[in-house]
Each structure stands twice: as C-alpha cells, then as structure tokens.
Full PDB file with SEQRES, HELIX, SHEET, SSBOND, CRYST1, ORIGX, SCALE, CONECT and MASTER records, all heavy atoms in Angstrom:
SEQRES   1 A   44  THR THR LEU ILE MET VAL ASP GLY ALA LYS TYR ILE VAL          
SEQRES   2 A   44  ARG GLU SER LEU ALA GLU VAL ILE ASP ARG ILE ALA THR          
SEQRES   3 A   44  TYR ARG ALA ARG ILE VAL SER MET ALA TYR GLY THR ASP          
SEQRES   4 A   44  LEU PRO VAL GLY ARG                                          
HELIX    1 AA1 LEU A   17  ALA A   35  1                                  19    
SHEET    1 AA1 2 THR A   2  ILE A   4  0                                        
SHEET    2 AA1 2 LYS A  10  ILE A  12 -1                                        
CRYST1    1.000    1.000    1.000  90.00  90.00  90.00 P 1           1          
ORIGX1      1.000000  0.000000  0.000000        0.00000                         
ORIGX2      0.000000  1.000000  0.000000        0.00000                         
ORIGX3      0.000000  0.000000  1.000000        0.00000                         
SCALE1      1.000000  0.000000  0.000000        0.00000                         
SCALE2      0.000000  1.000000  0.000000        0.00000                         
SCALE3      0.000000  0.000000  1.000000        0.00000                         
ATOM      1  N   THR A   1      10.259   6.981 -11.089  1.00  0.00           N  
ATOM      2  CA  THR A   1       9.045   6.214 -10.831  1.00  0.00           C  
ATOM      3  C   THR A   1       7.871   7.185 -10.814  1.00  0.00           C  
ATOM      4  O   THR A   1       7.853   8.139 -10.043  1.00  0.00           O  
ATOM      5  CB  THR A   1       9.135   5.478  -9.486  1.00  0.00           C  
ATOM      6  OG1 THR A   1      10.320   4.681  -9.485  1.00  0.00           O  
ATOM      7  CG2 THR A   1       7.929   4.576  -9.271  1.00  0.00           C  
ATOM      8  N   THR A   2       6.908   6.942 -11.685  1.00  0.00           N  
ATOM      9  CA  THR A   2       5.744   7.817 -11.818  1.00  0.00           C  
ATOM     10  C   THR A   2       4.478   7.024 -11.526  1.00  0.00           C  
ATOM     11  O   THR A   2       4.265   5.958 -12.114  1.00  0.00           O  
ATOM     12  CB  THR A   2       5.660   8.398 -13.245  1.00  0.00           C  
ATOM     13  OG1 THR A   2       6.900   9.040 -13.552  1.00  0.00           O  
ATOM     14  CG2 THR A   2       4.525   9.387 -13.370  1.00  0.00           C  
ATOM     15  N   LEU A   3       3.668   7.556 -10.616  1.00  0.00           N  
ATOM     16  CA  LEU A   3       2.364   6.946 -10.329  1.00  0.00           C  
ATOM     17  C   LEU A   3       1.321   7.697 -11.139  1.00  0.00           C  
ATOM     18  O   LEU A   3       1.242   8.926 -11.079  1.00  0.00           O  
ATOM     19  CB  LEU A   3       2.029   7.061  -8.837  1.00  0.00           C  
ATOM     20  CG  LEU A   3       3.053   6.517  -7.849  1.00  0.00           C  
ATOM     21  CD1 LEU A   3       2.554   6.720  -6.424  1.00  0.00           C  
ATOM     22  CD2 LEU A   3       3.340   5.069  -8.108  1.00  0.00           C  
ATOM     23  N   ILE A   4       0.517   6.967 -11.872  1.00  0.00           N  
ATOM     24  CA  ILE A   4      -0.562   7.568 -12.649  1.00  0.00           C  
ATOM     25  C   ILE A   4      -1.863   7.129 -11.995  1.00  0.00           C  
ATOM     26  O   ILE A   4      -2.156   5.932 -11.885  1.00  0.00           O  
ATOM     27  CB  ILE A   4      -0.499   7.133 -14.124  1.00  0.00           C  
ATOM     28  CG1 ILE A   4       0.870   7.528 -14.695  1.00  0.00           C  
ATOM     29  CG2 ILE A   4      -1.635   7.758 -14.919  1.00  0.00           C  
ATOM     30  CD1 ILE A   4       1.192   6.904 -16.018  1.00  0.00           C  
ATOM     31  N   MET A   5      -2.606   8.114 -11.532  1.00  0.00           N  
ATOM     32  CA  MET A   5      -3.815   7.850 -10.774  1.00  0.00           C  
ATOM     33  C   MET A   5      -5.015   7.673 -11.706  1.00  0.00           C  
ATOM     34  O   MET A   5      -4.946   8.007 -12.892  1.00  0.00           O  
ATOM     35  CB  MET A   5      -4.066   9.004  -9.792  1.00  0.00           C  
ATOM     36  CG  MET A   5      -2.836   9.393  -8.974  1.00  0.00           C  
ATOM     37  SD  MET A   5      -2.091   8.038  -8.074  1.00  0.00           S  
ATOM     38  CE  MET A   5      -3.177   7.959  -6.691  1.00  0.00           C  
ATOM     39  N   VAL A   6      -6.122   7.148 -11.160  1.00  0.00           N  
ATOM     40  CA  VAL A   6      -7.309   6.909 -11.976  1.00  0.00           C  
ATOM     41  C   VAL A   6      -7.903   8.199 -12.530  1.00  0.00           C  
ATOM     42  O   VAL A   6      -8.557   8.175 -13.567  1.00  0.00           O  
ATOM     43  CB  VAL A   6      -8.388   6.111 -11.204  1.00  0.00           C  
ATOM     44  CG1 VAL A   6      -7.907   4.713 -10.897  1.00  0.00           C  
ATOM     45  CG2 VAL A   6      -8.813   6.820  -9.937  1.00  0.00           C  
ATOM     46  N   ASP A   7      -7.657   9.343 -11.853  1.00  0.00           N  
ATOM     47  CA  ASP A   7      -8.183  10.611 -12.358  1.00  0.00           C  
ATOM     48  C   ASP A   7      -7.226  11.287 -13.339  1.00  0.00           C  
ATOM     49  O   ASP A   7      -7.464  12.409 -13.784  1.00  0.00           O  
ATOM     50  CB  ASP A   7      -8.511  11.559 -11.200  1.00  0.00           C  
ATOM     51  CG  ASP A   7      -7.287  11.999 -10.411  1.00  0.00           C  
ATOM     52  OD1 ASP A   7      -6.173  11.499 -10.687  1.00  0.00           O  
ATOM     53  OD2 ASP A   7      -7.450  12.839  -9.498  1.00  0.00           O  
ATOM     54  N   GLY A   8      -6.094  10.608 -13.673  1.00  0.00           N  
ATOM     55  CA  GLY A   8      -5.142  11.136 -14.626  1.00  0.00           C  
ATOM     56  C   GLY A   8      -3.985  11.903 -14.009  1.00  0.00           C  
ATOM     57  O   GLY A   8      -3.035  12.258 -14.704  1.00  0.00           O  
ATOM     58  N   ALA A   9      -4.042  12.179 -12.708  1.00  0.00           N  
ATOM     59  CA  ALA A   9      -2.953  12.890 -12.045  1.00  0.00           C  
ATOM     60  C   ALA A   9      -1.696  12.021 -12.054  1.00  0.00           C  
ATOM     61  O   ALA A   9      -1.772  10.796 -11.991  1.00  0.00           O  
ATOM     62  CB  ALA A   9      -3.348  13.239 -10.611  1.00  0.00           C  
ATOM     63  N   LYS A  10      -0.547  12.681 -12.136  1.00  0.00           N  
ATOM     64  CA  LYS A  10       0.735  11.968 -12.151  1.00  0.00           C  
ATOM     65  C   LYS A  10       1.582  12.460 -10.987  1.00  0.00           C  
ATOM     66  O   LYS A  10       1.650  13.669 -10.733  1.00  0.00           O  
ATOM     67  CB  LYS A  10       1.473  12.188 -13.461  1.00  0.00           C  
ATOM     68  CG  LYS A  10       0.773  11.591 -14.650  1.00  0.00           C  
ATOM     69  CD  LYS A  10       1.566  11.815 -15.923  1.00  0.00           C  
ATOM     70  CE  LYS A  10       0.841  11.213 -17.108  1.00  0.00           C  
ATOM     71  NZ  LYS A  10       1.583  11.394 -18.355  1.00  0.00           N  
ATOM     72  N   TYR A  11       2.234  11.528 -10.309  1.00  0.00           N  
ATOM     73  CA  TYR A  11       3.117  11.856  -9.200  1.00  0.00           C  
ATOM     74  C   TYR A  11       4.447  11.152  -9.412  1.00  0.00           C  
ATOM     75  O   TYR A  11       4.486   9.948  -9.665  1.00  0.00           O  
ATOM     76  CB  TYR A  11       2.523  11.393  -7.863  1.00  0.00           C  
ATOM     77  CG  TYR A  11       1.229  12.081  -7.517  1.00  0.00           C  
ATOM     78  CD1 TYR A  11       0.010  11.498  -7.828  1.00  0.00           C  
ATOM     79  CD2 TYR A  11       1.229  13.316  -6.881  1.00  0.00           C  
ATOM     80  CE1 TYR A  11      -1.180  12.125  -7.508  1.00  0.00           C  
ATOM     81  CE2 TYR A  11       0.035  13.947  -6.564  1.00  0.00           C  
ATOM     82  CZ  TYR A  11      -1.161  13.354  -6.876  1.00  0.00           C  
ATOM     83  OH  TYR A  11      -2.339  13.972  -6.571  1.00  0.00           O  
ATOM     84  N   ILE A  12       5.527  11.907  -9.304  1.00  0.00           N  
ATOM     85  CA  ILE A  12       6.863  11.323  -9.357  1.00  0.00           C  
ATOM     86  C   ILE A  12       7.297  11.089  -7.917  1.00  0.00           C  
ATOM     87  O   ILE A  12       7.226  11.998  -7.082  1.00  0.00           O  
ATOM     88  CB  ILE A  12       7.847  12.256 -10.084  1.00  0.00           C  
ATOM     89  CG1 ILE A  12       7.391  12.448 -11.531  1.00  0.00           C  
ATOM     90  CG2 ILE A  12       9.263  11.701 -10.025  1.00  0.00           C  
ATOM     91  CD1 ILE A  12       8.184  13.469 -12.306  1.00  0.00           C  
ATOM     92  N   VAL A  13       7.729   9.868  -7.621  1.00  0.00           N  
ATOM     93  CA  VAL A  13       8.116   9.502  -6.260  1.00  0.00           C  
ATOM     94  C   VAL A  13       9.579   9.080  -6.225  1.00  0.00           C  
ATOM     95  O   VAL A  13      10.168   8.743  -7.249  1.00  0.00           O  
ATOM     96  CB  VAL A  13       7.203   8.374  -5.712  1.00  0.00           C  
ATOM     97  CG1 VAL A  13       5.762   8.847  -5.606  1.00  0.00           C  
ATOM     98  CG2 VAL A  13       7.280   7.136  -6.575  1.00  0.00           C  
ATOM     99  N   ARG A  14      10.161   9.097  -5.038  1.00  0.00           N  
ATOM    100  CA  ARG A  14      11.571   8.727  -4.871  1.00  0.00           C  
ATOM    101  C   ARG A  14      11.785   7.222  -4.901  1.00  0.00           C  
ATOM    102  O   ARG A  14      12.860   6.752  -5.265  1.00  0.00           O  
ATOM    103  CB  ARG A  14      12.086   9.258  -3.540  1.00  0.00           C  
ATOM    104  CG  ARG A  14      12.155  10.742  -3.479  1.00  0.00           C  
ATOM    105  CD  ARG A  14      12.683  11.191  -2.145  1.00  0.00           C  
ATOM    106  NE  ARG A  14      12.639  12.641  -2.077  1.00  0.00           N  
ATOM    107  CZ  ARG A  14      12.941  13.340  -1.020  1.00  0.00           C  
ATOM    108  NH1 ARG A  14      13.316  12.735   0.083  1.00  0.00           N  
ATOM    109  NH2 ARG A  14      12.885  14.645  -1.044  1.00  0.00           N  
ATOM    110  N   GLU A  15      10.796   6.454  -4.487  1.00  0.00           N  
ATOM    111  CA  GLU A  15      10.934   5.008  -4.376  1.00  0.00           C  
ATOM    112  C   GLU A  15      11.014   4.361  -5.753  1.00  0.00           C  
ATOM    113  O   GLU A  15      10.489   4.874  -6.730  1.00  0.00           O  
ATOM    114  CB  GLU A  15       9.749   4.414  -3.602  1.00  0.00           C  
ATOM    115  CG  GLU A  15       9.686   4.814  -2.146  1.00  0.00           C  
ATOM    116  CD  GLU A  15       9.090   6.191  -1.902  1.00  0.00           C  
ATOM    117  OE1 GLU A  15       8.660   6.853  -2.869  1.00  0.00           O  
ATOM    118  OE2 GLU A  15       9.053   6.609  -0.743  1.00  0.00           O  
ATOM    119  N   SER A  16      11.643   3.189  -5.784  1.00  0.00           N  
ATOM    120  CA  SER A  16      11.721   2.422  -7.030  1.00  0.00           C  
ATOM    121  C   SER A  16      10.376   1.751  -7.309  1.00  0.00           C  
ATOM    122  O   SER A  16       9.513   1.666  -6.427  1.00  0.00           O  
ATOM    123  CB  SER A  16      12.815   1.356  -6.923  1.00  0.00           C  
ATOM    124  OG  SER A  16      12.424   0.365  -5.986  1.00  0.00           O  
ATOM    125  N   LEU A  17      10.229   1.270  -8.519  1.00  0.00           N  
ATOM    126  CA  LEU A  17       9.008   0.559  -8.903  1.00  0.00           C  
ATOM    127  C   LEU A  17       8.768  -0.626  -7.977  1.00  0.00           C  
ATOM    128  O   LEU A  17       7.657  -0.822  -7.477  1.00  0.00           O  
ATOM    129  CB  LEU A  17       9.112   0.100 -10.354  1.00  0.00           C  
ATOM    130  CG  LEU A  17       7.982  -0.765 -10.889  1.00  0.00           C  
ATOM    131  CD1 LEU A  17       6.702   0.038 -10.984  1.00  0.00           C  
ATOM    132  CD2 LEU A  17       8.343  -1.331 -12.242  1.00  0.00           C  
ATOM    133  N   ALA A  18       9.826  -1.402  -7.713  1.00  0.00           N  
ATOM    134  CA  ALA A  18       9.690  -2.579  -6.849  1.00  0.00           C  
ATOM    135  C   ALA A  18       9.276  -2.192  -5.436  1.00  0.00           C  
ATOM    136  O   ALA A  18       8.438  -2.870  -4.809  1.00  0.00           O  
ATOM    137  CB  ALA A  18      10.999  -3.359  -6.818  1.00  0.00           C  
ATOM    138  N   GLU A  19       9.817  -1.092  -4.911  1.00  0.00           N  
ATOM    139  CA  GLU A  19       9.474  -0.662  -3.555  1.00  0.00           C  
ATOM    140  C   GLU A  19       8.024  -0.183  -3.473  1.00  0.00           C  
ATOM    141  O   GLU A  19       7.324  -0.454  -2.509  1.00  0.00           O  
ATOM    142  CB  GLU A  19      10.419   0.441  -3.086  1.00  0.00           C  
ATOM    143  CG  GLU A  19      10.262   0.758  -1.616  1.00  0.00           C  
ATOM    144  CD  GLU A  19      11.298   1.752  -1.113  1.00  0.00           C  
ATOM    145  OE1 GLU A  19      12.257   2.058  -1.846  1.00  0.00           O  
ATOM    146  OE2 GLU A  19      11.135   2.216   0.022  1.00  0.00           O  
ATOM    147  N   VAL A  20       7.568   0.531  -4.499  1.00  0.00           N  
ATOM    148  CA  VAL A  20       6.173   0.987  -4.521  1.00  0.00           C  
ATOM    149  C   VAL A  20       5.231  -0.213  -4.535  1.00  0.00           C  
ATOM    150  O   VAL A  20       4.267  -0.272  -3.773  1.00  0.00           O  
ATOM    151  CB  VAL A  20       5.901   1.909  -5.728  1.00  0.00           C  
ATOM    152  CG1 VAL A  20       4.417   2.196  -5.878  1.00  0.00           C  
ATOM    153  CG2 VAL A  20       6.688   3.206  -5.597  1.00  0.00           C  
ATOM    154  N   ILE A  21       5.536  -1.186  -5.385  1.00  0.00           N  
ATOM    155  CA  ILE A  21       4.695  -2.381  -5.465  1.00  0.00           C  
ATOM    156  C   ILE A  21       4.701  -3.132  -4.138  1.00  0.00           C  
ATOM    157  O   ILE A  21       3.656  -3.587  -3.657  1.00  0.00           O  
ATOM    158  CB  ILE A  21       5.143  -3.284  -6.630  1.00  0.00           C  
ATOM    159  CG1 ILE A  21       4.823  -2.590  -7.960  1.00  0.00           C  
ATOM    160  CG2 ILE A  21       4.476  -4.655  -6.562  1.00  0.00           C  
ATOM    161  CD1 ILE A  21       5.406  -3.262  -9.163  1.00  0.00           C  
ATOM    162  N   ASP A  22       5.870  -3.235  -3.507  1.00  0.00           N  
ATOM    163  CA  ASP A  22       5.971  -3.910  -2.213  1.00  0.00           C  
ATOM    164  C   ASP A  22       5.156  -3.191  -1.144  1.00  0.00           C  
ATOM    165  O   ASP A  22       4.453  -3.829  -0.352  1.00  0.00           O  
ATOM    166  CB  ASP A  22       7.432  -4.010  -1.786  1.00  0.00           C  
ATOM    167  CG  ASP A  22       7.602  -4.782  -0.507  1.00  0.00           C  
ATOM    168  OD1 ASP A  22       7.104  -5.932  -0.434  1.00  0.00           O  
ATOM    169  OD2 ASP A  22       8.221  -4.242   0.444  1.00  0.00           O  
ATOM    170  N   ARG A  23       5.222  -1.871  -1.125  1.00  0.00           N  
ATOM    171  CA  ARG A  23       4.446  -1.103  -0.133  1.00  0.00           C  
ATOM    172  C   ARG A  23       2.944  -1.260  -0.350  1.00  0.00           C  
ATOM    173  O   ARG A  23       2.180  -1.367   0.601  1.00  0.00           O  
ATOM    174  CB  ARG A  23       4.842   0.366  -0.176  1.00  0.00           C  
ATOM    175  CG  ARG A  23       6.196   0.624   0.424  1.00  0.00           C  
ATOM    176  CD  ARG A  23       6.493   2.094   0.454  1.00  0.00           C  
ATOM    177  NE  ARG A  23       7.812   2.352   1.006  1.00  0.00           N  
ATOM    178  CZ  ARG A  23       8.208   3.540   1.414  1.00  0.00           C  
ATOM    179  NH1 ARG A  23       7.405   4.578   1.313  1.00  0.00           N  
ATOM    180  NH2 ARG A  23       9.414   3.702   1.896  1.00  0.00           N  
ATOM    181  N   ILE A  24       2.514  -1.255  -1.595  1.00  0.00           N  
ATOM    182  CA  ILE A  24       1.088  -1.437  -1.886  1.00  0.00           C  
ATOM    183  C   ILE A  24       0.642  -2.835  -1.463  1.00  0.00           C  
ATOM    184  O   ILE A  24      -0.407  -3.001  -0.837  1.00  0.00           O  
ATOM    185  CB  ILE A  24       0.786  -1.176  -3.374  1.00  0.00           C  
ATOM    186  CG1 ILE A  24       0.962   0.313  -3.689  1.00  0.00           C  
ATOM    187  CG2 ILE A  24      -0.624  -1.643  -3.741  1.00  0.00           C  
ATOM    188  CD1 ILE A  24       0.872   0.655  -5.160  1.00  0.00           C  
ATOM    189  N   ALA A  25       1.443  -3.853  -1.773  1.00  0.00           N  
ATOM    190  CA  ALA A  25       1.100  -5.231  -1.392  1.00  0.00           C  
ATOM    191  C   ALA A  25       1.043  -5.382   0.120  1.00  0.00           C  
ATOM    192  O   ALA A  25       0.129  -6.031   0.658  1.00  0.00           O  
ATOM    193  CB  ALA A  25       2.108  -6.201  -1.994  1.00  0.00           C  
ATOM    194  N   THR A  26       1.993  -4.775   0.834  1.00  0.00           N  
ATOM    195  CA  THR A  26       2.008  -4.838   2.293  1.00  0.00           C  
ATOM    196  C   THR A  26       0.777  -4.157   2.875  1.00  0.00           C  
ATOM    197  O   THR A  26       0.135  -4.673   3.796  1.00  0.00           O  
ATOM    198  CB  THR A  26       3.291  -4.188   2.841  1.00  0.00           C  
ATOM    199  OG1 THR A  26       4.421  -4.876   2.307  1.00  0.00           O  
ATOM    200  CG2 THR A  26       3.339  -4.219   4.349  1.00  0.00           C  
ATOM    201  N   TYR A  27       0.425  -2.997   2.334  1.00  0.00           N  
ATOM    202  CA  TYR A  27      -0.757  -2.270   2.797  1.00  0.00           C  
ATOM    203  C   TYR A  27      -2.030  -3.101   2.599  1.00  0.00           C  
ATOM    204  O   TYR A  27      -2.837  -3.250   3.506  1.00  0.00           O  
ATOM    205  CB  TYR A  27      -0.868  -0.940   2.036  1.00  0.00           C  
ATOM    206  CG  TYR A  27      -2.180  -0.236   2.222  1.00  0.00           C  
ATOM    207  CD1 TYR A  27      -2.445   0.491   3.368  1.00  0.00           C  
ATOM    208  CD2 TYR A  27      -3.173  -0.298   1.240  1.00  0.00           C  
ATOM    209  CE1 TYR A  27      -3.656   1.139   3.544  1.00  0.00           C  
ATOM    210  CE2 TYR A  27      -4.378   0.347   1.399  1.00  0.00           C  
ATOM    211  CZ  TYR A  27      -4.619   1.071   2.562  1.00  0.00           C  
ATOM    212  OH  TYR A  27      -5.822   1.686   2.717  1.00  0.00           O  
ATOM    213  N   ARG A  28      -2.175  -3.670   1.421  1.00  0.00           N  
ATOM    214  CA  ARG A  28      -3.382  -4.459   1.139  1.00  0.00           C  
ATOM    215  C   ARG A  28      -3.430  -5.731   1.972  1.00  0.00           C  
ATOM    216  O   ARG A  28      -4.500  -6.144   2.428  1.00  0.00           O  
ATOM    217  CB  ARG A  28      -3.462  -4.781  -0.351  1.00  0.00           C  
ATOM    218  CG  ARG A  28      -3.778  -3.541  -1.148  1.00  0.00           C  
ATOM    219  CD  ARG A  28      -3.974  -3.826  -2.602  1.00  0.00           C  
ATOM    220  NE  ARG A  28      -4.362  -2.598  -3.300  1.00  0.00           N  
ATOM    221  CZ  ARG A  28      -4.277  -2.433  -4.584  1.00  0.00           C  
ATOM    222  NH1 ARG A  28      -3.843  -3.402  -5.344  1.00  0.00           N  
ATOM    223  NH2 ARG A  28      -4.640  -1.291  -5.125  1.00  0.00           N  
ATOM    224  N   ALA A  29      -2.279  -6.355   2.206  1.00  0.00           N  
ATOM    225  CA  ALA A  29      -2.245  -7.553   3.056  1.00  0.00           C  
ATOM    226  C   ALA A  29      -2.673  -7.210   4.478  1.00  0.00           C  
ATOM    227  O   ALA A  29      -3.390  -7.983   5.124  1.00  0.00           O  
ATOM    228  CB  ALA A  29      -0.849  -8.161   3.048  1.00  0.00           C  
ATOM    229  N   ARG A  30      -2.245  -6.053   4.957  1.00  0.00           N  
ATOM    230  CA  ARG A  30      -2.636  -5.645   6.316  1.00  0.00           C  
ATOM    231  C   ARG A  30      -4.139  -5.380   6.398  1.00  0.00           C  
ATOM    232  O   ARG A  30      -4.783  -5.750   7.371  1.00  0.00           O  
ATOM    233  CB  ARG A  30      -1.867  -4.402   6.741  1.00  0.00           C  
ATOM    234  CG  ARG A  30      -2.224  -3.997   8.154  1.00  0.00           C  
ATOM    235  CD  ARG A  30      -1.107  -3.254   8.837  1.00  0.00           C  
ATOM    236  NE  ARG A  30      -1.416  -3.113  10.235  1.00  0.00           N  
ATOM    237  CZ  ARG A  30      -2.012  -2.037  10.760  1.00  0.00           C  
ATOM    238  NH1 ARG A  30      -2.329  -1.028   9.995  1.00  0.00           N  
ATOM    239  NH2 ARG A  30      -2.288  -1.993  12.044  1.00  0.00           N  
ATOM    240  N   ILE A  31      -4.703  -4.753   5.385  1.00  0.00           N  
ATOM    241  CA  ILE A  31      -6.145  -4.490   5.369  1.00  0.00           C  
ATOM    242  C   ILE A  31      -6.918  -5.811   5.393  1.00  0.00           C  
ATOM    243  O   ILE A  31      -7.868  -5.969   6.145  1.00  0.00           O  
ATOM    244  CB  ILE A  31      -6.542  -3.655   4.128  1.00  0.00           C  
ATOM    245  CG1 ILE A  31      -5.893  -2.277   4.181  1.00  0.00           C  
ATOM    246  CG2 ILE A  31      -8.049  -3.552   3.984  1.00  0.00           C  
ATOM    247  CD1 ILE A  31      -6.272  -1.435   5.375  1.00  0.00           C  
ATOM    248  N   VAL A  32      -6.496  -6.770   4.589  1.00  0.00           N  
ATOM    249  CA  VAL A  32      -7.171  -8.076   4.558  1.00  0.00           C  
ATOM    250  C   VAL A  32      -7.034  -8.779   5.908  1.00  0.00           C  
ATOM    251  O   VAL A  32      -7.992  -9.343   6.426  1.00  0.00           O  
ATOM    252  CB  VAL A  32      -6.615  -8.952   3.410  1.00  0.00           C  
ATOM    253  CG1 VAL A  32      -7.099 -10.378   3.513  1.00  0.00           C  
ATOM    254  CG2 VAL A  32      -7.013  -8.359   2.068  1.00  0.00           C  
ATOM    255  N   SER A  33      -5.837  -8.724   6.507  1.00  0.00           N  
ATOM    256  CA  SER A  33      -5.649  -9.394   7.794  1.00  0.00           C  
ATOM    257  C   SER A  33      -6.495  -8.733   8.874  1.00  0.00           C  
ATOM    258  O   SER A  33      -7.018  -9.404   9.761  1.00  0.00           O  
ATOM    259  CB  SER A  33      -4.173  -9.415   8.198  1.00  0.00           C  
ATOM    260  OG  SER A  33      -3.715  -8.135   8.538  1.00  0.00           O  
ATOM    261  N   MET A  34      -6.664  -7.421   8.800  1.00  0.00           N  
ATOM    262  CA  MET A  34      -7.527  -6.734   9.766  1.00  0.00           C  
ATOM    263  C   MET A  34      -8.980  -7.148   9.573  1.00  0.00           C  
ATOM    264  O   MET A  34      -9.719  -7.324  10.543  1.00  0.00           O  
ATOM    265  CB  MET A  34      -7.385  -5.224   9.624  1.00  0.00           C  
ATOM    266  CG  MET A  34      -6.055  -4.697  10.134  1.00  0.00           C  
ATOM    267  SD  MET A  34      -5.805  -2.949   9.784  1.00  0.00           S  
ATOM    268  CE  MET A  34      -7.090  -2.217  10.791  1.00  0.00           C  
ATOM    269  N   ALA A  35      -9.396  -7.314   8.324  1.00  0.00           N  
ATOM    270  CA  ALA A  35     -10.780  -7.696   8.044  1.00  0.00           C  
ATOM    271  C   ALA A  35     -11.095  -9.084   8.592  1.00  0.00           C  
ATOM    272  O   ALA A  35     -12.213  -9.342   9.026  1.00  0.00           O  
ATOM    273  CB  ALA A  35     -11.035  -7.656   6.539  1.00  0.00           C  
ATOM    274  N   TYR A  36     -10.094  -9.972   8.594  1.00  0.00           N  
ATOM    275  CA  TYR A  36     -10.299 -11.319   9.097  1.00  0.00           C  
ATOM    276  C   TYR A  36      -9.930 -11.466  10.561  1.00  0.00           C  
ATOM    277  O   TYR A  36     -10.000 -12.555  11.113  1.00  0.00           O  
ATOM    278  CB  TYR A  36      -9.517 -12.328   8.249  1.00  0.00           C  
ATOM    279  CG  TYR A  36     -10.185 -12.585   6.929  1.00  0.00           C  
ATOM    280  CD1 TYR A  36      -9.758 -11.943   5.772  1.00  0.00           C  
ATOM    281  CD2 TYR A  36     -11.263 -13.446   6.838  1.00  0.00           C  
ATOM    282  CE1 TYR A  36     -10.382 -12.160   4.564  1.00  0.00           C  
ATOM    283  CE2 TYR A  36     -11.896 -13.668   5.629  1.00  0.00           C  
ATOM    284  CZ  TYR A  36     -11.451 -13.021   4.501  1.00  0.00           C  
ATOM    285  OH  TYR A  36     -12.084 -13.238   3.304  1.00  0.00           O  
ATOM    286  N   GLY A  37      -9.518 -10.372  11.204  1.00  0.00           N  
ATOM    287  CA  GLY A  37      -9.229 -10.411  12.626  1.00  0.00           C  
ATOM    288  C   GLY A  37      -7.927 -11.094  12.972  1.00  0.00           C  
ATOM    289  O   GLY A  37      -7.726 -11.465  14.125  1.00  0.00           O  
ATOM    290  N   THR A  38      -7.027 -11.267  12.009  1.00  0.00           N  
ATOM    291  CA  THR A  38      -5.760 -11.916  12.315  1.00  0.00           C  
ATOM    292  C   THR A  38      -4.700 -10.910  12.711  1.00  0.00           C  
ATOM    293  O   THR A  38      -3.661 -11.282  13.224  1.00  0.00           O  
ATOM    294  CB  THR A  38      -5.253 -12.732  11.112  1.00  0.00           C  
ATOM    295  OG1 THR A  38      -5.140 -11.863   9.987  1.00  0.00           O  
ATOM    296  CG2 THR A  38      -6.203 -13.869  10.802  1.00  0.00           C  
ATOM    297  N   ASP A  39      -4.940  -9.633  12.488  1.00  0.00           N  
ATOM    298  CA  ASP A  39      -4.012  -8.580  12.858  1.00  0.00           C  
ATOM    299  C   ASP A  39      -4.575  -7.918  14.112  1.00  0.00           C  
ATOM    300  O   ASP A  39      -5.513  -7.147  14.030  1.00  0.00           O  
ATOM    301  CB  ASP A  39      -3.906  -7.556  11.722  1.00  0.00           C  
ATOM    302  CG  ASP A  39      -2.939  -6.443  12.047  1.00  0.00           C  
ATOM    303  OD1 ASP A  39      -1.754  -6.634  11.763  1.00  0.00           O  
ATOM    304  OD2 ASP A  39      -3.385  -5.416  12.581  1.00  0.00           O  
ATOM    305  N   LEU A  40      -4.031  -8.250  15.259  1.00  0.00           N  
ATOM    306  CA  LEU A  40      -4.556  -7.730  16.509  1.00  0.00           C  
ATOM    307  C   LEU A  40      -3.536  -6.803  17.152  1.00  0.00           C  
ATOM    308  O   LEU A  40      -2.705  -7.227  17.956  1.00  0.00           O  
ATOM    309  CB  LEU A  40      -4.903  -8.880  17.462  1.00  0.00           C  
ATOM    310  CG  LEU A  40      -5.925  -9.870  16.926  1.00  0.00           C  
ATOM    311  CD1 LEU A  40      -6.075 -11.044  17.880  1.00  0.00           C  
ATOM    312  CD2 LEU A  40      -7.261  -9.193  16.722  1.00  0.00           C  
ATOM    313  N   PRO A  41      -3.562  -5.508  16.802  1.00  0.00           N  
ATOM    314  CA  PRO A  41      -2.595  -4.583  17.371  1.00  0.00           C  
ATOM    315  C   PRO A  41      -2.811  -4.410  18.869  1.00  0.00           C  
ATOM    316  O   PRO A  41      -3.921  -4.537  19.366  1.00  0.00           O  
ATOM    317  CB  PRO A  41      -2.849  -3.282  16.619  1.00  0.00           C  
ATOM    318  CG  PRO A  41      -4.218  -3.399  16.076  1.00  0.00           C  
ATOM    319  CD  PRO A  41      -4.478  -4.869  15.892  1.00  0.00           C  
ATOM    320  N   VAL A  42      -1.743  -4.106  19.576  1.00  0.00           N  
ATOM    321  CA  VAL A  42      -1.825  -3.889  21.019  1.00  0.00           C  
ATOM    322  C   VAL A  42      -2.640  -2.640  21.289  1.00  0.00           C  
ATOM    323  O   VAL A  42      -2.486  -1.627  20.635  1.00  0.00           O  
ATOM    324  CB  VAL A  42      -0.408  -3.741  21.610  1.00  0.00           C  
ATOM    325  CG1 VAL A  42      -0.464  -3.423  23.081  1.00  0.00           C  
ATOM    326  CG2 VAL A  42       0.397  -4.995  21.347  1.00  0.00           C  
ATOM    327  N   GLY A  43      -3.543  -2.722  22.261  1.00  0.00           N  
ATOM    328  CA  GLY A  43      -4.330  -1.565  22.655  1.00  0.00           C  
ATOM    329  C   GLY A  43      -5.458  -1.220  21.705  1.00  0.00           C  
ATOM    330  O   GLY A  43      -5.931  -0.107  21.699  1.00  0.00           O  
ATOM    331  N   ARG A  44      -5.914  -2.158  20.918  1.00  0.00           N  
ATOM    332  CA  ARG A  44      -7.001  -1.841  19.986  1.00  0.00           C  
ATOM    333  C   ARG A  44      -8.286  -1.593  20.757  1.00  0.00           C  
ATOM    334  O   ARG A  44      -8.480  -2.076  21.854  1.00  0.00           O  
ATOM    335  CB  ARG A  44      -7.185  -2.962  18.966  1.00  0.00           C  
ATOM    336  CG  ARG A  44      -7.703  -4.231  19.566  1.00  0.00           C  
ATOM    337  CD  ARG A  44      -7.869  -5.284  18.486  1.00  0.00           C  
ATOM    338  NE  ARG A  44      -8.353  -6.487  19.098  1.00  0.00           N  
ATOM    339  CZ  ARG A  44      -9.639  -6.723  19.385  1.00  0.00           C  
ATOM    340  NH1 ARG A  44     -10.538  -5.832  19.114  1.00  0.00           N  
ATOM    341  NH2 ARG A  44     -10.003  -7.844  19.951  1.00  0.00           N  
TER     342      ARG A  44                                                      
MASTER        0    0    0    1    2    0    0    6  341    1    0    4          
END                                                                             
C-alpha cells in the first residue's frame, strides 16, 4: 500500500488499502462531528 501525497512524496505503509481508507473516513467523520458539537469528549 503506497500513499502518494499532493507534493509527490510516496510512503509505503503496513495497512491495507481498505484499512487506510477506513482510517481516513473515521478521522474525517470525527472532525465533522466535532465541528457540529456532536462529539463531546469527557473533560473537554
């Protein structure tokens, strides 16, 4: 699995393509939920 960045850099990672996509989707979903105030971590 190779990540190609916008600046042309390439990184080989251990995770599968599906796992990388899942992690990116989870990260972005958390950012959106934080923006809308639906993600309220303890002790914020």
